Amino acid sequence: MNYNSALEHKVFKAISKVSDKNSERAFVIGGFVRDLILGRPSKDIDVVTEGSGIKLAKAAAKELGIKQVSVFKNFGTAMFKCGDLEVEFVGARKESYSRDSRKPVVEDGTLEDDQNRRDFTINAMALSLAKANYGELIDPFSGVRDLDLGVIRTPLDPDITYSDDPLRMMRAIRFATQLDFTISRESMDAIKHNASRLDIISMERIHIELNKIILADKPSIGFKLLLKTGLLEKFFPEMVALQGVEKRNGITHKDNFYHTLEVLENVCKKSDDLWLRWAAIMHDIGKPPTKRFHPQHGWTFHGHEDKGSRMVPKIFHRLKLPMDQKMKFVKKLVLLHLRPIALTKDIVTDSAIRRLLYEAGDDIDALMILCRADITSKNEAKVQKYLKNYDIVVEKLKEVEANDNIRNFQPPVTGEMIMKEFGIPPSKPIGDIKKGIKEAILDGYIKNDVEEAYQLMLKLGEEMGLKRIEH
C-alpha cells in the first residue's frame, strides 16, 4: 500500500531530501499515519529517523527556510512549526524498563525496534520518506486491519506493555473512547491484571488522559471501561462509590454511577466545556455519604449537594486539577444543581429567581444546562413535564434579569458610603447594613437602585442607633 499522494506537503519532501543526502532512513510514524488512514485531520507529525532526530530537524528546517527549531537534548528530540503543522523528530530507539518506573533506559535502535516499543498496533504504522520507496506503508503488526476491525491491541505481549508503562492503560481506554473502538480481550485482561501498576504514574499524567476521555463525544464509554478494569478505583474512588443499587423493604434507589454517565452524555450534547462536563461528573458525588433509609420515605440523599460541593476541592487537589476559578465553577454548580429543580415544583416567585441569579451569576446558563441534563427518568411524560417547567423558569430568569439587573449585582451602597454617612470605622454594623440592603433587593422590597438603597441604609442605621454626620 502506498500513500505517496498524502505526503505531497513540502515538509515531507524536505525531510526526504535531507535524510537521503545523509543516507539515514526517515519515517512518518504514529498518530498522523493512523489519522490519515481513518480520514481524520491531524496537524501533529512525528518523524523517526535511524540517525539523530535533532540533526535531521535542523537540516530539514534549513531546507525549508525555518529559523526556529526547539531542541530537547535530554530527550534527543527536536521540533519546528511549518505553517499549521507541528513536526517532531526523534531518533529510532529501543527501550527497557525497571519495575518501579515508567521511564525507560533508551538506546539507539532501528525502525523495527521503534515500532516494537509503540503502545498500540494502530500507532505503530510508519510511512517511508526515503526516495526509493516514498509513501510505502510499513505495518508489521497489522494496524490497518485493527483500524478496520475497530480494535485496540498492543504490538507485543500486553502484560509486558502495560506493566512497563502503566499510563498506556489509560491511553488504551482514551483511544477506545475517542475512536469508539473495543479493547481486545487480551488487552482488557492485562489491564485488569496490571491496574495496581497505575500507582507509579503521576496524577498530572492521569488527569491529562482522563480529561481527553471527558472531552470525547461519548465519555461514558471510557468511564465504563475505567470501572470495569479497576483503574477508576485507583484515582477516583468517590465515583466508584456511586455504583450499585441497594434494596430495603422492597424499595430500591437508582444506580447513581450510570445516572451520572447519562447526565454527562446529556451535557455533552449541549456543551464541549470541560469544566461543565466535570460538574456533571461531580453533581451527585455527595450521595453515597448522605444516603439514608427511612421506612416512611424510602431512600434519601438530603444535603448531598452541599456535601458534594465540599468534596470538590479535595478531589481536584488529589487529581492535581487546577485549584483556580475552574474548580470554584464546578464547586458552585454542584452546590446549586438542585435549586432550579426546586423552582420547577412550586409557583416561581421573583424573589426565588433573584436569589438564584445572584448566587449563580454568569454561570446561570451553565447551571441550567446541567439541570436539564439531570432529568434522566425513563418516564418520557415526566421528562417532558420537567423540561416544560424549566422553560418557564428560563423565561422568568430573563424577565427578572431584564428588570432588576441582578446577575452580578453588588449592593448599590458601599461600605465607604456607610462609614462616611455615620462616621464609623470598619465594623460589624457596616456588614449588617449591606446584608439588609442585599436581602431587601433580592426579596423585591426595594429596587436595585442607589436612591432606594440609600434611604434603606439611613433607616437601618437609625434602627441600630447610628447617628448621621452633618456634611
Protein backbone atom coordinates (compact mmCIF):
# COMPACT_ATOMS: atom_id res chain seq x y z
CA MET A 1 0.00 0.00 0.00
CA ASN A 2 1.42 3.42 -0.99
CA TYR A 3 0.43 6.79 0.47
CA ASN A 4 2.67 8.88 -1.78
CA SER A 5 -0.08 11.39 -2.58
CA ALA A 6 -0.74 12.07 1.13
CA LEU A 7 2.87 13.16 1.53
CA GLU A 8 2.83 15.94 -1.07
CA HIS A 9 3.38 18.68 1.51
CA LYS A 10 6.76 20.43 1.21
CA VAL A 11 7.72 19.45 4.76
CA PHE A 12 7.77 15.73 3.84
CA LYS A 13 9.72 16.43 0.63
CA ALA A 14 12.33 18.42 2.58
CA ILE A 15 12.76 15.68 5.20
CA SER A 16 13.06 13.09 2.41
CA LYS A 17 15.70 15.15 0.61
CA VAL A 18 17.99 15.75 3.61
CA SER A 19 17.62 12.23 5.07
CA ASP A 20 18.53 10.66 1.70
CA LYS A 21 21.51 13.02 1.47
CA ASN A 22 22.72 11.76 4.88
CA SER A 23 21.89 8.14 3.98
CA GLU A 24 19.68 7.82 7.08
CA ARG A 25 16.18 6.46 6.66
CA ALA A 26 13.31 8.61 7.99
CA PHE A 27 9.65 7.76 8.52
CA VAL A 28 6.38 9.43 9.49
CA ILE A 29 5.04 7.32 12.34
CA GLY A 30 2.22 7.06 14.86
CA GLY A 31 -0.86 9.23 15.15
CA PHE A 32 -0.51 11.08 11.83
CA VAL A 33 -0.45 7.78 9.93
CA ARG A 34 -3.36 6.40 11.95
CA ASP A 35 -5.48 9.51 11.38
CA LEU A 36 -4.55 9.63 7.69
CA ILE A 37 -5.96 6.11 7.22
CA LEU A 38 -9.05 6.96 9.30
CA GLY A 39 -9.61 10.14 7.29
CA ARG A 40 -9.25 12.32 10.40
CA PRO A 41 -7.47 15.69 10.24
CA SER A 42 -4.11 15.81 12.02
CA LYS A 43 -1.64 18.66 12.42
CA ASP A 44 0.89 16.80 14.61
CA ILE A 45 3.57 14.90 12.70
CA ASP A 46 6.03 12.52 14.36
CA VAL A 47 9.14 11.71 12.36
CA VAL A 48 11.50 8.92 13.40
CA THR A 49 14.94 8.53 11.85
CA GLU A 50 17.61 5.86 12.05
CA GLY A 51 20.03 8.61 12.99
CA SER A 52 19.91 11.79 15.06
CA GLY A 53 16.45 13.34 15.34
CA ILE A 54 17.95 16.68 16.34
CA LYS A 55 20.34 16.80 13.34
CA LEU A 56 17.54 15.85 10.94
CA ALA A 57 15.23 18.52 12.38
CA LYS A 58 17.87 21.23 11.94
CA ALA A 59 18.71 20.11 8.41
CA ALA A 60 15.04 19.93 7.36
CA ALA A 61 14.33 23.34 8.91
CA LYS A 62 17.27 24.84 6.98
CA GLU A 63 15.98 23.29 3.74
CA LEU A 64 12.54 24.85 4.42
CA GLY A 65 13.91 28.23 5.48
CA ILE A 66 12.56 27.81 9.01
CA LYS A 67 14.59 29.75 11.58
CA GLN A 68 13.23 28.44 14.88
CA VAL A 69 13.86 24.86 15.98
CA SER A 70 13.11 23.79 19.56
CA VAL A 71 15.67 21.26 20.78
CA PHE A 72 15.21 18.98 23.79
CA LYS A 73 18.66 17.44 24.27
CA ASN A 74 17.70 15.36 27.32
CA PHE A 75 15.09 13.52 25.24
CA GLY A 76 17.01 13.55 21.95
CA THR A 77 14.09 15.28 20.25
CA ALA A 78 13.51 18.49 18.31
CA MET A 79 10.52 20.16 16.75
CA PHE A 80 9.53 23.04 14.50
CA LYS A 81 6.36 24.51 13.04
CA CYS A 82 5.72 24.65 9.33
CA GLY A 83 2.54 26.57 8.64
CA ASP A 84 -0.17 24.91 10.71
CA LEU A 85 1.82 21.67 11.06
CA GLU A 86 3.86 20.82 14.16
CA VAL A 87 6.67 18.42 13.31
CA GLU A 88 8.60 16.50 15.97
CA PHE A 89 11.77 14.50 15.27
CA VAL A 90 13.32 11.66 17.25
CA GLY A 91 15.92 9.02 16.61
CA ALA A 92 14.69 5.42 16.40
CA ARG A 93 15.20 3.73 19.73
CA LYS A 94 14.68 0.62 21.77
CA GLU A 95 13.68 0.71 25.41
CA SER A 96 13.98 -1.39 28.56
CA TYR A 97 12.13 -0.72 31.80
CA SER A 98 12.71 -1.23 35.52
CA ARG A 99 9.82 -2.33 37.72
CA ASP A 100 9.47 0.88 39.75
CA SER A 101 9.49 3.48 36.98
CA ARG A 102 7.82 4.18 33.64
CA LYS A 103 10.99 5.97 32.49
CA PRO A 104 12.85 3.54 30.25
CA VAL A 105 16.54 3.00 29.59
CA VAL A 106 16.82 4.18 25.98
CA GLU A 107 19.30 3.01 23.34
CA ASP A 108 19.65 3.83 19.66
CA GLY A 109 17.72 1.38 17.53
CA THR A 110 16.16 0.60 14.18
CA LEU A 111 12.69 1.34 12.85
CA GLU A 112 11.73 -2.20 13.88
CA ASP A 113 12.89 -1.53 17.47
CA ASP A 114 10.91 1.70 17.49
CA GLN A 115 7.74 0.04 16.25
CA ASN A 116 8.12 -2.74 18.83
CA ARG A 117 8.09 -0.18 21.67
CA ARG A 118 4.89 1.55 20.47
CA ASP A 119 1.80 1.32 22.64
CA PHE A 120 -0.78 0.04 20.11
CA THR A 121 -0.76 -1.55 16.67
CA ILE A 122 -2.73 1.40 15.28
CA ASN A 123 0.03 3.75 16.48
CA ALA A 124 2.93 1.60 15.23
CA MET A 125 2.41 2.14 11.49
CA ALA A 126 5.02 4.12 9.56
CA LEU A 127 5.28 5.73 6.12
CA SER A 128 8.67 5.76 4.45
CA LEU A 129 10.16 9.11 3.42
CA ALA A 130 13.07 7.50 1.55
CA LYS A 131 13.21 8.35 -2.15
CA ALA A 132 13.39 4.65 -3.11
CA ASN A 133 10.04 3.70 -1.50
CA TYR A 134 8.47 7.09 -0.72
CA GLY A 135 4.99 6.72 0.84
CA GLU A 136 5.25 2.97 1.43
CA LEU A 137 3.31 1.79 4.49
CA ILE A 138 5.29 -0.31 6.96
CA ASP A 139 2.75 -2.12 9.14
CA PRO A 140 4.37 -5.11 10.91
CA PHE A 141 1.56 -5.58 13.46
CA SER A 142 -1.47 -5.32 11.15
CA GLY A 143 -2.52 -1.89 12.37
CA VAL A 144 -4.64 -1.30 9.25
CA ARG A 145 -6.56 -4.48 9.98
CA ASP A 146 -7.15 -3.35 13.57
CA LEU A 147 -8.38 0.03 12.33
CA ASP A 148 -10.84 -1.79 10.06
CA LEU A 149 -11.95 -4.03 12.94
CA GLY A 150 -12.07 -1.14 15.42
CA VAL A 151 -9.76 -2.87 17.92
CA ILE A 152 -7.17 -1.52 20.39
CA ARG A 153 -4.36 -4.08 20.60
CA THR A 154 -0.71 -3.92 21.70
CA PRO A 155 2.10 -4.87 19.28
CA LEU A 156 3.76 -7.18 21.81
CA ASP A 157 2.57 -9.03 24.95
CA PRO A 158 0.04 -6.63 26.58
CA ASP A 159 1.03 -7.76 30.06
CA ILE A 160 4.58 -6.52 29.45
CA THR A 161 3.44 -3.42 27.53
CA TYR A 162 1.18 -2.23 30.36
CA SER A 163 3.49 -3.24 33.18
CA ASP A 164 6.41 -1.38 31.55
CA ASP A 165 4.42 1.85 31.13
CA PRO A 166 1.10 1.74 33.03
CA LEU A 167 -0.02 5.05 31.51
CA ARG A 168 -0.67 3.02 28.37
CA MET A 169 -3.68 1.50 30.15
CA MET A 170 -5.24 4.97 30.39
CA ARG A 171 -4.28 5.64 26.77
CA ALA A 172 -5.93 2.37 25.64
CA ILE A 173 -9.19 3.48 27.22
CA ARG A 174 -8.80 7.00 25.87
CA PHE A 175 -8.36 5.75 22.29
CA ALA A 176 -11.23 3.28 22.67
CA THR A 177 -13.41 6.21 23.81
CA GLN A 178 -12.31 8.73 21.17
CA LEU A 179 -12.49 6.25 18.27
CA ASP A 180 -15.41 4.18 19.63
CA PHE A 181 -13.19 1.06 19.36
CA THR A 182 -13.19 -2.07 21.51
CA ILE A 183 -10.16 -3.17 23.51
CA SER A 184 -9.00 -6.70 22.67
CA ARG A 185 -9.79 -9.36 25.27
CA GLU A 186 -6.07 -9.99 25.92
CA SER A 187 -5.55 -6.26 26.50
CA MET A 188 -8.56 -5.99 28.82
CA ASP A 189 -7.30 -8.92 30.88
CA ALA A 190 -3.81 -7.40 31.04
CA ILE A 191 -5.17 -4.00 32.15
CA LYS A 192 -7.17 -5.64 34.95
CA HIS A 193 -4.09 -7.62 35.95
CA ASN A 194 -1.85 -4.51 35.97
CA ALA A 195 -4.33 -1.97 37.41
CA SER A 196 -2.27 -1.61 40.61
CA ARG A 197 0.73 -0.53 38.49
CA LEU A 198 -1.05 2.78 37.90
CA ASP A 199 0.29 3.81 41.32
CA ILE A 200 3.67 4.70 39.77
CA ILE A 201 2.04 7.22 37.39
CA SER A 202 1.75 10.87 38.43
CA MET A 203 -1.73 12.35 38.85
CA GLU A 204 -0.85 15.01 36.28
CA ARG A 205 -0.35 12.30 33.64
CA ILE A 206 -3.52 10.52 34.70
CA HIS A 207 -5.73 13.60 34.61
CA ILE A 208 -4.44 14.59 31.16
CA GLU A 209 -5.70 11.27 29.78
CA LEU A 210 -8.88 11.48 31.87
CA ASN A 211 -9.67 14.95 30.51
CA LYS A 212 -9.24 13.66 26.96
CA ILE A 213 -11.76 10.92 27.77
CA ILE A 214 -14.16 13.50 29.22
CA LEU A 215 -13.83 15.68 26.09
CA ALA A 216 -14.68 12.77 23.75
CA ASP A 217 -18.08 12.63 22.04
CA LYS A 218 -19.20 9.75 24.30
CA PRO A 219 -17.14 9.84 27.50
CA SER A 220 -19.42 7.24 29.12
CA ILE A 221 -17.57 4.59 27.06
CA GLY A 222 -14.35 5.48 28.85
CA PHE A 223 -15.84 5.62 32.35
CA LYS A 224 -17.45 2.21 31.94
CA LEU A 225 -14.08 0.79 30.84
CA LEU A 226 -12.27 2.53 33.70
CA LEU A 227 -14.74 0.98 36.14
CA LYS A 228 -14.62 -2.49 34.55
CA THR A 229 -10.81 -2.64 34.53
CA GLY A 230 -10.39 -1.41 38.12
CA LEU A 231 -8.46 1.70 37.07
CA LEU A 232 -11.12 4.19 38.24
CA GLU A 233 -10.81 2.92 41.81
CA LYS A 234 -7.11 3.84 41.74
CA PHE A 235 -7.62 7.58 41.30
CA PHE A 236 -11.36 8.38 41.67
CA PRO A 237 -12.87 6.08 44.32
CA GLU A 238 -15.64 8.60 45.05
CA MET A 239 -17.07 7.98 41.60
CA VAL A 240 -16.84 4.20 42.02
CA ALA A 241 -18.82 4.60 45.26
CA LEU A 242 -21.76 5.90 43.20
CA GLN A 243 -22.18 2.47 41.60
CA GLY A 244 -24.66 -0.09 42.81
CA VAL A 245 -28.28 -0.40 43.90
CA GLU A 246 -29.42 -1.20 47.41
CA LYS A 247 -32.82 -2.69 48.21
CA ARG A 248 -34.55 -2.42 51.56
CA ASN A 249 -38.19 -3.21 52.41
CA GLY A 250 -38.72 -3.73 48.69
CA ILE A 251 -37.55 -0.16 47.93
CA THR A 252 -34.52 0.49 45.70
CA HIS A 253 -32.70 3.61 44.57
CA LYS A 254 -31.25 4.21 41.12
CA ASP A 255 -27.65 3.39 40.28
CA ASN A 256 -26.06 6.81 40.63
CA PHE A 257 -22.93 5.85 38.65
CA TYR A 258 -24.93 5.13 35.49
CA HIS A 259 -27.24 8.08 36.18
CA THR A 260 -24.14 10.31 36.33
CA LEU A 261 -22.99 8.98 32.96
CA GLU A 262 -26.43 9.75 31.48
CA VAL A 263 -26.22 13.31 32.82
CA LEU A 264 -22.70 13.65 31.40
CA GLU A 265 -23.84 12.45 27.97
CA ASN A 266 -26.76 14.92 28.07
CA VAL A 267 -24.37 17.77 28.88
CA CYS A 268 -22.07 16.66 26.03
CA LYS A 269 -24.93 17.16 23.55
CA LYS A 270 -25.14 20.81 24.60
CA SER A 271 -21.59 21.84 25.50
CA ASP A 272 -17.96 20.87 24.94
CA ASP A 273 -16.86 22.84 28.01
CA LEU A 274 -14.54 20.56 30.00
CA TRP A 275 -15.44 22.05 33.38
CA LEU A 276 -19.19 21.91 32.81
CA ARG A 277 -18.66 18.22 31.97
CA TRP A 278 -16.72 17.89 35.23
CA ALA A 279 -19.68 19.47 37.06
CA ALA A 280 -21.90 16.77 35.54
CA ILE A 281 -19.49 14.07 36.77
CA MET A 282 -19.42 15.58 40.28
CA HIS A 283 -23.04 16.71 40.67
CA ASP A 284 -24.12 13.66 42.74
CA ILE A 285 -20.71 12.82 44.23
CA GLY A 286 -22.08 13.58 47.71
CA LYS A 287 -24.84 10.96 47.51
CA PRO A 288 -23.01 7.91 48.94
CA PRO A 289 -22.03 9.65 52.21
CA THR A 290 -25.51 11.20 52.63
CA LYS A 291 -27.55 8.08 51.76
CA ARG A 292 -30.15 7.18 54.41
CA PHE A 293 -33.12 4.82 54.52
CA HIS A 294 -36.39 5.87 56.22
CA PRO A 295 -39.22 3.32 56.46
CA GLN A 296 -41.80 6.00 55.60
CA HIS A 297 -39.87 7.97 52.97
CA GLY A 298 -37.55 5.36 51.44
CA TRP A 299 -34.05 6.33 50.33
CA THR A 300 -32.94 9.94 50.83
CA PHE A 301 -29.78 11.88 49.99
CA HIS A 302 -30.51 15.08 51.92
CA GLY A 303 -27.76 17.65 51.68
CA HIS A 304 -25.83 15.76 49.01
CA GLU A 305 -25.38 18.97 47.01
CA ASP A 306 -23.69 20.68 49.98
CA LYS A 307 -21.60 17.60 50.83
CA GLY A 308 -20.65 17.14 47.18
CA SER A 309 -19.65 20.78 46.84
CA ARG A 310 -17.31 20.41 49.82
CA MET A 311 -15.80 17.26 48.28
CA VAL A 312 -14.88 19.02 45.01
CA PRO A 313 -11.71 20.84 46.22
CA LYS A 314 -10.34 17.66 47.83
CA ILE A 315 -10.87 15.62 44.67
CA PHE A 316 -9.41 18.34 42.42
CA HIS A 317 -6.40 18.64 44.72
CA ARG A 318 -5.76 14.88 44.68
CA LEU A 319 -6.11 14.67 40.89
CA LYS A 320 -3.83 17.72 40.52
CA LEU A 321 -6.58 19.53 38.61
CA PRO A 322 -6.47 23.36 38.66
CA MET A 323 -7.44 24.84 42.04
CA ASP A 324 -8.47 28.17 40.48
CA GLN A 325 -11.73 29.54 39.06
CA LYS A 326 -12.32 26.26 37.21
CA MET A 327 -12.56 24.36 40.49
CA LYS A 328 -14.74 27.10 42.00
CA PHE A 329 -17.06 26.89 38.97
CA VAL A 330 -17.51 23.12 39.45
CA LYS A 331 -17.97 23.58 43.21
CA LYS A 332 -20.64 26.24 42.63
CA LEU A 333 -22.60 24.17 40.10
CA VAL A 334 -22.56 21.11 42.37
CA LEU A 335 -23.88 23.24 45.25
CA LEU A 336 -26.63 24.88 43.16
CA HIS A 337 -27.70 21.99 40.92
CA LEU A 338 -30.92 21.28 42.88
CA ARG A 339 -32.02 24.90 43.10
CA PRO A 340 -33.61 25.26 39.64
CA ILE A 341 -35.27 21.85 40.06
CA ALA A 342 -36.95 23.16 43.22
CA LEU A 343 -38.20 26.15 41.25
CA THR A 344 -39.98 23.86 38.77
CA LYS A 345 -42.02 22.23 41.51
CA ASP A 346 -43.64 25.30 43.05
CA ILE A 347 -45.02 28.62 41.94
CA VAL A 348 -41.93 30.52 40.85
CA THR A 349 -41.56 33.75 42.81
CA ASP A 350 -39.47 36.68 41.64
CA SER A 351 -37.63 36.55 44.96
CA ALA A 352 -36.51 32.93 44.42
CA ILE A 353 -35.42 33.78 40.86
CA ARG A 354 -33.46 36.83 42.06
CA ARG A 355 -31.64 34.73 44.65
CA LEU A 356 -30.71 32.09 42.08
CA LEU A 357 -29.46 34.76 39.67
CA TYR A 358 -27.45 36.40 42.43
CA GLU A 359 -25.79 33.16 43.55
CA ALA A 360 -25.18 31.72 40.07
CA GLY A 361 -24.06 35.00 38.46
CA ASP A 362 -22.60 34.49 34.98
CA ASP A 363 -22.73 30.71 35.47
CA ILE A 364 -26.55 30.63 35.38
CA ASP A 365 -26.64 29.40 31.76
CA ALA A 366 -24.20 26.56 32.50
CA LEU A 367 -26.24 25.67 35.59
CA MET A 368 -29.43 25.43 33.54
CA ILE A 369 -27.69 23.10 31.02
CA LEU A 370 -26.62 20.86 33.92
CA CYS A 371 -30.09 20.87 35.48
CA ARG A 372 -31.84 19.97 32.21
CA ALA A 373 -29.26 17.19 31.72
CA ASP A 374 -30.09 15.87 35.20
CA ILE A 375 -33.58 14.77 34.07
CA THR A 376 -32.96 11.11 33.19
CA SER A 377 -36.24 9.41 34.06
CA LYS A 378 -37.36 6.51 31.84
CA ASN A 379 -40.85 8.06 32.07
CA GLU A 380 -40.90 10.26 28.94
CA ALA A 381 -44.02 12.16 30.08
CA LYS A 382 -42.29 13.05 33.35
CA VAL A 383 -39.18 14.24 31.47
CA GLN A 384 -41.25 16.44 29.16
CA LYS A 385 -43.16 17.89 32.11
CA TYR A 386 -39.95 18.90 33.89
CA LEU A 387 -38.41 20.30 30.70
CA LYS A 388 -41.54 22.40 30.15
CA ASN A 389 -41.29 23.71 33.70
CA TYR A 390 -37.65 24.60 33.03
CA ASP A 391 -38.76 26.64 30.03
CA ILE A 392 -40.95 28.66 32.38
CA VAL A 393 -38.05 29.15 34.82
CA VAL A 394 -35.73 30.26 31.99
CA GLU A 395 -38.28 32.83 30.76
CA LYS A 396 -38.70 34.08 34.32
CA LEU A 397 -34.91 34.36 34.66
CA LYS A 398 -34.75 36.52 31.54
CA GLU A 399 -37.62 38.69 32.70
CA VAL A 400 -36.25 39.29 36.22
CA GLU A 401 -32.73 39.90 34.88
CA ALA A 402 -34.04 42.47 32.40
CA ASN A 403 -35.98 44.31 35.13
CA ASP A 404 -33.60 44.08 38.08
CA ASN A 405 -30.09 43.52 36.65
CA ILE A 406 -29.35 41.01 39.43
CA ARG A 407 -26.95 38.56 37.74
CA ASN A 408 -23.75 40.20 39.01
CA PHE A 409 -25.13 42.92 41.18
CA GLN A 410 -23.26 44.48 44.06
CA PRO A 411 -25.39 46.33 46.66
CA PRO A 412 -25.60 49.94 45.38
CA VAL A 413 -24.44 51.29 48.76
CA THR A 414 -20.77 50.64 49.54
CA GLY A 415 -19.05 50.22 52.89
CA GLU A 416 -17.25 53.53 52.30
CA MET A 417 -20.58 55.33 51.89
CA ILE A 418 -21.89 53.85 55.18
CA MET A 419 -18.70 54.79 57.08
CA LYS A 420 -18.81 58.33 55.69
CA GLU A 421 -22.53 58.80 56.44
CA PHE A 422 -22.35 57.60 60.04
CA GLY A 423 -18.71 58.42 60.83
CA ILE A 424 -17.83 54.87 61.92
CA PRO A 425 -14.73 52.73 61.30
CA PRO A 426 -14.81 49.31 59.58
CA SER A 427 -17.05 47.23 61.83
CA LYS A 428 -19.90 44.71 62.03
CA PRO A 429 -22.75 47.26 61.52
CA ILE A 430 -21.43 48.00 58.02
CA GLY A 431 -21.76 44.33 57.01
CA ASP A 432 -25.21 44.13 58.63
CA ILE A 433 -26.45 47.18 56.71
CA LYS A 434 -25.07 45.87 53.38
CA LYS A 435 -26.66 42.48 54.03
CA GLY A 436 -30.00 44.12 54.88
CA ILE A 437 -29.93 46.07 51.60
CA LYS A 438 -28.99 42.95 49.60
CA GLU A 439 -31.82 40.92 51.16
CA ALA A 440 -34.33 43.73 50.53
CA ILE A 441 -33.36 43.87 46.86
CA LEU A 442 -33.47 40.09 46.43
CA ASP A 443 -36.86 39.93 48.17
CA GLY A 444 -38.19 42.73 45.97
CA TYR A 445 -38.89 45.21 48.80
CA ILE A 446 -36.74 47.80 47.07
CA LYS A 447 -35.33 48.09 43.55
CA ASN A 448 -31.66 47.62 42.67
CA ASP A 449 -31.36 51.39 42.74
CA VAL A 450 -28.93 53.74 44.52
CA GLU A 451 -31.57 56.13 45.88
CA GLU A 452 -33.85 53.42 47.30
CA ALA A 453 -30.84 51.57 48.77
CA TYR A 454 -29.53 54.83 50.29
CA GLN A 455 -32.84 55.52 52.04
CA LEU A 456 -32.91 51.98 53.43
CA MET A 457 -29.32 52.45 54.63
CA LEU A 458 -30.40 55.51 56.66
CA LYS A 459 -33.37 53.60 58.11
CA LEU A 460 -31.26 50.57 59.09
CA GLY A 461 -28.56 52.79 60.59
CA GLU A 462 -31.13 54.62 62.66
CA GLU A 463 -32.57 51.32 63.93
CA MET A 464 -29.05 50.35 65.03
CA GLY A 465 -28.68 53.63 66.91
CA LEU A 466 -26.14 55.11 64.49
CA LYS A 467 -26.06 58.92 64.15
CA ARG A 468 -25.64 60.65 60.80
CA ILE A 469 -22.80 63.11 60.44
CA GLU A 470 -23.59 66.58 59.11
CA HIS A 471 -21.60 67.22 55.91
